Amino acid sequence: MPTEHIIALLIAERDKLNRAIEALQGPIKRRGRPPKNPVAAAAPPPALPAKKRKGLSAAARKAQSQRVKAYWAARRKKEGEK
């Protein structure tokens, strides 16, 4: 058997083994710095329940609007005096 033929068979066998290993390992590993704790990085973080935000009443919104308008009016007045 010629040497070139033996080398070609060995290369083909190597390629088959590499593909089998990649299939068993899963997707291609990510690039970059590895995580500090590989166990924690593999598990997805637990889903936290969404916190419900309390809304403002119409009166509270209006009062807040008045406070902010007064604040900016005072700020503009102060800037004009300088």
PDB file of N, CA and C in Angstrom:
ATOM      1  N   MET A   1       0.847  -1.170   0.000  1.00  0.00           N
ATOM      2  CA  MET A   1       0.000   0.000   0.000  1.00  0.00           C
ATOM      3  C   MET A   1       0.898   1.240   0.000  1.00  0.00           C
ATOM      4  N   PRO A   2       0.658   2.185  -0.900  1.00  0.00           N
ATOM      5  CA  PRO A   2       1.498   3.378  -0.963  1.00  0.00           C
ATOM      6  C   PRO A   2       1.298   4.265   0.277  1.00  0.00           C
ATOM      7  N   THR A   3       2.340   4.957   0.615  1.00  0.00           N
ATOM      8  CA  THR A   3       2.336   5.799   1.810  1.00  0.00           C
ATOM      9  C   THR A   3       1.287   6.914   1.714  1.00  0.00           C
ATOM     10  N   GLU A   4       1.114   7.474   0.531  1.00  0.00           N
ATOM     11  CA  GLU A   4       0.146   8.565   0.356  1.00  0.00           C
ATOM     12  C   GLU A   4      -1.260   8.078   0.650  1.00  0.00           C
ATOM     13  N   HIS A   5      -1.575   6.850   0.256  1.00  0.00           N
ATOM     14  CA  HIS A   5      -2.899   6.290   0.484  1.00  0.00           C
ATOM     15  C   HIS A   5      -3.138   6.080   1.988  1.00  0.00           C
ATOM     16  N   ILE A   6      -2.125   5.595   2.687  1.00  0.00           N
ATOM     17  CA  ILE A   6      -2.236   5.382   4.136  1.00  0.00           C
ATOM     18  C   ILE A   6      -2.440   6.722   4.840  1.00  0.00           C
ATOM     19  N   ILE A   7      -1.703   7.736   4.425  1.00  0.00           N
ATOM     20  CA  ILE A   7      -1.840   9.070   5.037  1.00  0.00           C
ATOM     21  C   ILE A   7      -3.237   9.625   4.787  1.00  0.00           C
ATOM     22  N   ALA A   8      -3.756   9.434   3.574  1.00  0.00           N
ATOM     23  CA  ALA A   8      -5.098   9.921   3.253  1.00  0.00           C
ATOM     24  C   ALA A   8      -6.144   9.222   4.120  1.00  0.00           C
ATOM     25  N   LEU A   9      -5.998   7.907   4.335  1.00  0.00           N
ATOM     26  CA  LEU A   9      -6.937   7.171   5.184  1.00  0.00           C
ATOM     27  C   LEU A   9      -6.858   7.655   6.642  1.00  0.00           C
ATOM     28  N   LEU A  10      -5.659   7.892   7.120  1.00  0.00           N
ATOM     29  CA  LEU A  10      -5.493   8.371   8.494  1.00  0.00           C
ATOM     30  C   LEU A  10      -6.087   9.772   8.680  1.00  0.00           C
ATOM     31  N   ILE A  11      -5.899  10.631   7.701  1.00  0.00           N
ATOM     32  CA  ILE A  11      -6.465  11.984   7.772  1.00  0.00           C
ATOM     33  C   ILE A  11      -7.990  11.922   7.768  1.00  0.00           C
ATOM     34  N   ALA A  12      -8.548  11.051   6.921  1.00  0.00           N
ATOM     35  CA  ALA A  12      -9.999  10.901   6.876  1.00  0.00           C
ATOM     36  C   ALA A  12     -10.528  10.392   8.215  1.00  0.00           C
ATOM     37  N   GLU A  13      -9.832   9.444   8.807  1.00  0.00           N
ATOM     38  CA  GLU A  13     -10.242   8.916  10.113  1.00  0.00           C
ATOM     39  C   GLU A  13     -10.140   9.999  11.186  1.00  0.00           C
ATOM     40  N   ARG A  14      -9.085  10.803  11.128  1.00  0.00           N
ATOM     41  CA  ARG A  14      -8.923  11.908  12.086  1.00  0.00           C
ATOM     42  C   ARG A  14     -10.068  12.903  11.968  1.00  0.00           C
ATOM     43  N   ASP A  15     -10.453  13.230  10.717  1.00  0.00           N
ATOM     44  CA  ASP A  15     -11.547  14.169  10.502  1.00  0.00           C
ATOM     45  C   ASP A  15     -12.860  13.619  11.062  1.00  0.00           C
ATOM     46  N   LYS A  16     -13.107  12.318  10.872  1.00  0.00           N
ATOM     47  CA  LYS A  16     -14.323  11.697  11.419  1.00  0.00           C
ATOM     48  C   LYS A  16     -14.325  11.778  12.938  1.00  0.00           C
ATOM     49  N   LEU A  17     -13.179  11.511  13.555  1.00  0.00           N
ATOM     50  CA  LEU A  17     -13.087  11.570  15.012  1.00  0.00           C
ATOM     51  C   LEU A  17     -13.290  13.001  15.522  1.00  0.00           C
ATOM     52  N   ASN A  18     -12.718  13.965  14.825  1.00  0.00           N
ATOM     53  CA  ASN A  18     -12.894  15.362  15.232  1.00  0.00           C
ATOM     54  C   ASN A  18     -14.358  15.779  15.153  1.00  0.00           C
ATOM     55  N   ARG A  19     -15.059  15.375  14.091  1.00  0.00           N
ATOM     56  CA  ARG A  19     -16.475  15.706  13.966  1.00  0.00           C
ATOM     57  C   ARG A  19     -17.297  15.033  15.058  1.00  0.00           C
ATOM     58  N   ALA A  20     -16.957  13.794  15.403  1.00  0.00           N
ATOM     59  CA  ALA A  20     -17.671  13.085  16.460  1.00  0.00           C
ATOM     60  C   ALA A  20     -17.447  13.763  17.812  1.00  0.00           C
ATOM     61  N   ILE A  21     -16.222  14.182  18.065  1.00  0.00           N
ATOM     62  CA  ILE A  21     -15.913  14.863  19.324  1.00  0.00           C
ATOM     63  C   ILE A  21     -16.669  16.186  19.404  1.00  0.00           C
ATOM     64  N   GLU A  22     -16.690  16.949  18.321  1.00  0.00           N
ATOM     65  CA  GLU A  22     -17.410  18.223  18.305  1.00  0.00           C
ATOM     66  C   GLU A  22     -18.894  18.011  18.527  1.00  0.00           C
ATOM     67  N   ALA A  23     -19.464  16.958  17.952  1.00  0.00           N
ATOM     68  CA  ALA A  23     -20.888  16.677  18.124  1.00  0.00           C
ATOM     69  C   ALA A  23     -21.191  16.328  19.578  1.00  0.00           C
ATOM     70  N   LEU A  24     -20.301  15.611  20.227  1.00  0.00           N
ATOM     71  CA  LEU A  24     -20.518  15.239  21.624  1.00  0.00           C
ATOM     72  C   LEU A  24     -20.315  16.419  22.570  1.00  0.00           C
ATOM     73  N   GLN A  25     -19.411  17.330  22.245  1.00  0.00           N
ATOM     74  CA  GLN A  25     -19.140  18.473  23.113  1.00  0.00           C
ATOM     75  C   GLN A  25     -20.221  19.532  23.012  1.00  0.00           C
ATOM     76  N   GLY A  26     -20.996  19.561  21.989  1.00  0.00           N
ATOM     77  CA  GLY A  26     -22.008  20.593  21.825  1.00  0.00           C
ATOM     78  C   GLY A  26     -21.510  21.696  20.920  1.00  0.00           C
ATOM     79  N   PRO A  27     -22.149  22.877  21.031  1.00  0.00           N
ATOM     80  CA  PRO A  27     -21.761  23.979  20.150  1.00  0.00           C
ATOM     81  C   PRO A  27     -20.334  24.434  20.441  1.00  0.00           C
ATOM     82  N   ILE A  28     -19.820  25.208  19.506  1.00  0.00           N
ATOM     83  CA  ILE A  28     -18.453  25.714  19.623  1.00  0.00           C
ATOM     84  C   ILE A  28     -18.361  26.568  20.875  1.00  0.00           C
ATOM     85  N   LYS A  29     -17.287  26.398  21.616  1.00  0.00           N
ATOM     86  CA  LYS A  29     -17.132  27.146  22.861  1.00  0.00           C
ATOM     87  C   LYS A  29     -17.000  28.626  22.566  1.00  0.00           C
ATOM     88  N   ARG A  30     -17.489  29.429  23.503  1.00  0.00           N
ATOM     89  CA  ARG A  30     -17.427  30.871  23.338  1.00  0.00           C
ATOM     90  C   ARG A  30     -15.991  31.351  23.451  1.00  0.00           C
ATOM     91  N   ARG A  31     -15.728  32.461  22.812  1.00  0.00           N
ATOM     92  CA  ARG A  31     -14.389  33.030  22.851  1.00  0.00           C
ATOM     93  C   ARG A  31     -14.327  34.048  23.958  1.00  0.00           C
ATOM     94  N   GLY A  32     -13.142  34.350  24.412  1.00  0.00           N
ATOM     95  CA  GLY A  32     -12.961  35.373  25.429  1.00  0.00           C
ATOM     96  C   GLY A  32     -12.667  34.770  26.784  1.00  0.00           C
ATOM     97  N   ARG A  33     -12.744  35.611  27.780  1.00  0.00           N
ATOM     98  CA  ARG A  33     -12.407  35.214  29.134  1.00  0.00           C
ATOM     99  C   ARG A  33     -13.457  34.251  29.678  1.00  0.00           C
ATOM    100  N   PRO A  34     -13.031  33.143  30.276  1.00  0.00           N
ATOM    101  CA  PRO A  34     -14.005  32.190  30.812  1.00  0.00           C
ATOM    102  C   PRO A  34     -14.664  32.746  32.076  1.00  0.00           C
ATOM    103  N   PRO A  35     -15.870  32.297  32.395  1.00  0.00           N
ATOM    104  CA  PRO A  35     -16.530  32.792  33.602  1.00  0.00           C
ATOM    105  C   PRO A  35     -15.791  32.347  34.855  1.00  0.00           C
ATOM    106  N   LYS A  36     -15.966  33.090  35.952  1.00  0.00           N
ATOM    107  CA  LYS A  36     -15.281  32.756  37.197  1.00  0.00           C
ATOM    108  C   LYS A  36     -15.781  31.423  37.747  1.00  0.00           C
ATOM    109  N   ASN A  37     -17.084  31.206  37.706  1.00  0.00           N
ATOM    110  CA  ASN A  37     -17.661  29.976  38.225  1.00  0.00           C
ATOM    111  C   ASN A  37     -18.353  29.265  37.063  1.00  0.00           C
ATOM    112  N   PRO A  38     -17.729  28.234  36.479  1.00  0.00           N
ATOM    113  CA  PRO A  38     -18.324  27.608  35.299  1.00  0.00           C
ATOM    114  C   PRO A  38     -19.666  26.946  35.584  1.00  0.00           C
ATOM    115  N   VAL A  39     -19.910  26.496  36.809  1.00  0.00           N
ATOM    116  CA  VAL A  39     -21.195  25.858  37.125  1.00  0.00           C
ATOM    117  C   VAL A  39     -22.311  26.893  37.108  1.00  0.00           C
ATOM    118  N   ALA A  40     -22.061  28.059  37.681  1.00  0.00           N
ATOM    119  CA  ALA A  40     -23.074  29.105  37.727  1.00  0.00           C
ATOM    120  C   ALA A  40     -23.323  29.678  36.334  1.00  0.00           C
ATOM    121  N   ALA A  41     -22.309  29.725  35.495  1.00  0.00           N
ATOM    122  CA  ALA A  41     -22.465  30.278  34.156  1.00  0.00           C
ATOM    123  C   ALA A  41     -23.271  29.339  33.264  1.00  0.00           C
ATOM    124  N   ALA A  42     -23.195  28.047  33.512  1.00  0.00           N
ATOM    125  CA  ALA A  42     -23.920  27.086  32.680  1.00  0.00           C
ATOM    126  C   ALA A  42     -25.417  27.118  32.968  1.00  0.00           C
ATOM    127  N   ALA A  43     -25.796  27.343  34.229  1.00  0.00           N
ATOM    128  CA  ALA A  43     -27.204  27.370  34.598  1.00  0.00           C
ATOM    129  C   ALA A  43     -27.763  28.765  34.355  1.00  0.00           C
ATOM    130  N   PRO A  44     -28.929  28.868  33.697  1.00  0.00           N
ATOM    131  CA  PRO A  44     -29.521  30.185  33.490  1.00  0.00           C
ATOM    132  C   PRO A  44     -30.004  30.748  34.820  1.00  0.00           C
ATOM    133  N   PRO A  45     -29.977  32.066  34.966  1.00  0.00           N
ATOM    134  CA  PRO A  45     -30.413  32.657  36.229  1.00  0.00           C
ATOM    135  C   PRO A  45     -31.904  32.408  36.447  1.00  0.00           C
ATOM    136  N   PRO A  46     -32.319  32.236  37.695  1.00  0.00           N
ATOM    137  CA  PRO A  46     -33.731  31.981  37.949  1.00  0.00           C
ATOM    138  C   PRO A  46     -34.569  33.195  37.577  1.00  0.00           C
ATOM    139  N   ALA A  47     -35.740  32.948  37.045  1.00  0.00           N
ATOM    140  CA  ALA A  47     -36.622  34.025  36.620  1.00  0.00           C
ATOM    141  C   ALA A  47     -37.254  34.660  37.853  1.00  0.00           C
ATOM    142  N   LEU A  48     -37.039  35.957  38.009  1.00  0.00           N
ATOM    143  CA  LEU A  48     -37.611  36.669  39.137  1.00  0.00           C
ATOM    144  C   LEU A  48     -38.975  37.223  38.738  1.00  0.00           C
ATOM    145  N   PRO A  49     -39.926  37.209  39.653  1.00  0.00           N
ATOM    146  CA  PRO A  49     -41.234  37.778  39.309  1.00  0.00           C
ATOM    147  C   PRO A  49     -41.104  39.291  39.123  1.00  0.00           C
ATOM    148  N   ALA A  50     -41.806  39.803  38.160  1.00  0.00           N
ATOM    149  CA  ALA A  50     -41.737  41.234  37.872  1.00  0.00           C
ATOM    150  C   ALA A  50     -42.391  42.001  39.010  1.00  0.00           C
ATOM    151  N   LYS A  51     -41.707  43.049  39.477  1.00  0.00           N
ATOM    152  CA  LYS A  51     -42.262  43.863  40.543  1.00  0.00           C
ATOM    153  C   LYS A  51     -43.296  44.812  39.948  1.00  0.00           C
ATOM    154  N   LYS A  52     -44.440  44.843  40.575  1.00  0.00           N
ATOM    155  CA  LYS A  52     -45.505  45.704  40.092  1.00  0.00           C
ATOM    156  C   LYS A  52     -45.271  47.112  40.628  1.00  0.00           C
ATOM    157  N   ARG A  53     -45.267  48.069  39.758  1.00  0.00           N
ATOM    158  CA  ARG A  53     -45.040  49.445  40.160  1.00  0.00           C
ATOM    159  C   ARG A  53     -46.360  50.087  40.532  1.00  0.00           C
ATOM    160  N   LYS A  54     -46.329  50.858  41.590  1.00  0.00           N
ATOM    161  CA  LYS A  54     -47.521  51.581  42.013  1.00  0.00           C
ATOM    162  C   LYS A  54     -47.608  52.854  41.185  1.00  0.00           C
ATOM    163  N   GLY A  55     -48.763  53.107  40.649  1.00  0.00           N
ATOM    164  CA  GLY A  55     -48.942  54.293  39.838  1.00  0.00           C
ATOM    165  C   GLY A  55     -49.384  55.474  40.685  1.00  0.00           C
ATOM    166  N   LEU A  56     -49.258  56.660  40.126  1.00  0.00           N
ATOM    167  CA  LEU A  56     -49.687  57.870  40.804  1.00  0.00           C
ATOM    168  C   LEU A  56     -51.130  58.169  40.427  1.00  0.00           C
ATOM    169  N   SER A  57     -51.847  58.721  41.370  1.00  0.00           N
ATOM    170  CA  SER A  57     -53.202  59.154  41.065  1.00  0.00           C
ATOM    171  C   SER A  57     -53.109  60.434  40.235  1.00  0.00           C
ATOM    172  N   ALA A  58     -54.226  60.841  39.682  1.00  0.00           N
ATOM    173  CA  ALA A  58     -54.224  62.051  38.866  1.00  0.00           C
ATOM    174  C   ALA A  58     -53.841  63.258  39.706  1.00  0.00           C
ATOM    175  N   ALA A  59     -54.315  63.308  40.940  1.00  0.00           N
ATOM    176  CA  ALA A  59     -53.991  64.437  41.814  1.00  0.00           C
ATOM    177  C   ALA A  59     -52.500  64.441  42.153  1.00  0.00           C
ATOM    178  N   ALA A  60     -51.932  63.279  42.399  1.00  0.00           N
ATOM    179  CA  ALA A  60     -50.510  63.200  42.727  1.00  0.00           C
ATOM    180  C   ALA A  60     -49.659  63.609  41.534  1.00  0.00           C
ATOM    181  N   ARG A  61     -50.069  63.201  40.328  1.00  0.00           N
ATOM    182  CA  ARG A  61     -49.333  63.605  39.126  1.00  0.00           C
ATOM    183  C   ARG A  61     -49.368  65.120  38.947  1.00  0.00           C
ATOM    184  N   LYS A  62     -50.544  65.706  39.185  1.00  0.00           N
ATOM    185  CA  LYS A  62     -50.670  67.152  39.029  1.00  0.00           C
ATOM    186  C   LYS A  62     -49.805  67.881  40.056  1.00  0.00           C
ATOM    187  N   ALA A  63     -49.791  67.395  41.292  1.00  0.00           N
ATOM    188  CA  ALA A  63     -48.972  68.015  42.334  1.00  0.00           C
ATOM    189  C   ALA A  63     -47.486  67.897  41.977  1.00  0.00           C
ATOM    190  N   GLN A  64     -47.084  66.743  41.484  1.00  0.00           N
ATOM    191  CA  GLN A  64     -45.689  66.540  41.080  1.00  0.00           C
ATOM    192  C   GLN A  64     -45.336  67.494  39.944  1.00  0.00           C
ATOM    193  N   SER A  65     -46.237  67.651  39.000  1.00  0.00           N
ATOM    194  CA  SER A  65     -46.004  68.548  37.871  1.00  0.00           C
ATOM    195  C   SER A  65     -45.808  69.984  38.367  1.00  0.00           C
ATOM    196  N   GLN A  66     -46.635  70.397  39.296  1.00  0.00           N
ATOM    197  CA  GLN A  66     -46.517  71.756  39.830  1.00  0.00           C
ATOM    198  C   GLN A  66     -45.184  71.949  40.555  1.00  0.00           C
ATOM    199  N   ARG A  67     -44.746  70.944  41.326  1.00  0.00           N
ATOM    200  CA  ARG A  67     -43.462  71.046  42.033  1.00  0.00           C
ATOM    201  C   ARG A  67     -42.300  71.165  41.054  1.00  0.00           C
ATOM    202  N   VAL A  68     -42.335  70.369  39.988  1.00  0.00           N
ATOM    203  CA  VAL A  68     -41.246  70.396  39.007  1.00  0.00           C
ATOM    204  C   VAL A  68     -41.242  71.724  38.255  1.00  0.00           C
ATOM    205  N   LYS A  69     -42.412  72.221  37.904  1.00  0.00           N
ATOM    206  CA  LYS A  69     -42.477  73.513  37.209  1.00  0.00           C
ATOM    207  C   LYS A  69     -41.941  74.627  38.099  1.00  0.00           C
ATOM    208  N   ALA A  70     -42.278  74.591  39.378  1.00  0.00           N
ATOM    209  CA  ALA A  70     -41.780  75.607  40.306  1.00  0.00           C
ATOM    210  C   ALA A  70     -40.261  75.506  40.445  1.00  0.00           C
ATOM    211  N   TYR A  71     -39.756  74.298  40.505  1.00  0.00           N
ATOM    212  CA  TYR A  71     -38.313  74.086  40.618  1.00  0.00           C
ATOM    213  C   TYR A  71     -37.589  74.696  39.425  1.00  0.00           C
ATOM    214  N   TRP A  72     -38.065  74.397  38.213  1.00  0.00           N
ATOM    215  CA  TRP A  72     -37.374  74.898  37.031  1.00  0.00           C
ATOM    216  C   TRP A  72     -37.542  76.404  36.874  1.00  0.00           C
ATOM    217  N   ALA A  73     -38.679  76.951  37.312  1.00  0.00           N
ATOM    218  CA  ALA A  73     -38.867  78.397  37.249  1.00  0.00           C
ATOM    219  C   ALA A  73     -37.869  79.082  38.185  1.00  0.00           C
ATOM    220  N   ALA A  74     -37.695  78.514  39.386  1.00  0.00           N
ATOM    221  CA  ALA A  74     -36.739  79.093  40.325  1.00  0.00           C
ATOM    222  C   ALA A  74     -35.321  78.954  39.790  1.00  0.00           C
ATOM    223  N   ARG A  75     -35.038  77.863  39.143  1.00  0.00           N
ATOM    224  CA  ARG A  75     -33.690  77.643  38.606  1.00  0.00           C
ATOM    225  C   ARG A  75     -33.381  78.633  37.481  1.00  0.00           C
ATOM    226  N   ARG A  76     -34.389  78.855  36.599  1.00  0.00           N
ATOM    227  CA  ARG A  76     -34.192  79.815  35.512  1.00  0.00           C
ATOM    228  C   ARG A  76     -34.008  81.232  36.074  1.00  0.00           C
ATOM    229  N   LYS A  77     -34.775  81.558  37.124  1.00  0.00           N
ATOM    230  CA  LYS A  77     -34.660  82.884  37.735  1.00  0.00           C
ATOM    231  C   LYS A  77     -33.270  83.069  38.334  1.00  0.00           C
ATOM    232  N   LYS A  78     -32.785  82.033  39.003  1.00  0.00           N
ATOM    233  CA  LYS A  78     -31.463  82.080  39.608  1.00  0.00           C
ATOM    234  C   LYS A  78     -30.367  82.241  38.557  1.00  0.00           C
ATOM    235  N   GLU A  79     -30.500  81.537  37.430  1.00  0.00           N
ATOM    236  CA  GLU A  79     -29.512  81.638  36.340  1.00  0.00           C
ATOM    237  C   GLU A  79     -29.527  83.018  35.721  1.00  0.00           C
ATOM    238  N   GLY A  80     -30.725  83.661  35.681  1.00  0.00           N
ATOM    239  CA  GLY A  80     -30.828  84.991  35.087  1.00  0.00           C
ATOM    240  C   GLY A  80     -30.178  86.054  35.932  1.00  0.00           C
ATOM    241  N   GLU A  81     -30.102  85.824  37.252  1.00  0.00           N
ATOM    242  CA  GLU A  81     -29.516  86.800  38.153  1.00  0.00           C
ATOM    243  C   GLU A  81     -27.994  86.812  38.092  1.00  0.00           C
ATOM    244  N   LYS A  82     -27.390  85.752  37.671  1.00  0.00           N
ATOM    245  CA  LYS A  82     -25.925  85.676  37.682  1.00  0.00           C
ATOM    246  C   LYS A  82     -25.284  86.563  36.675  1.00  0.00           C
TER     247      LYS A  82
END
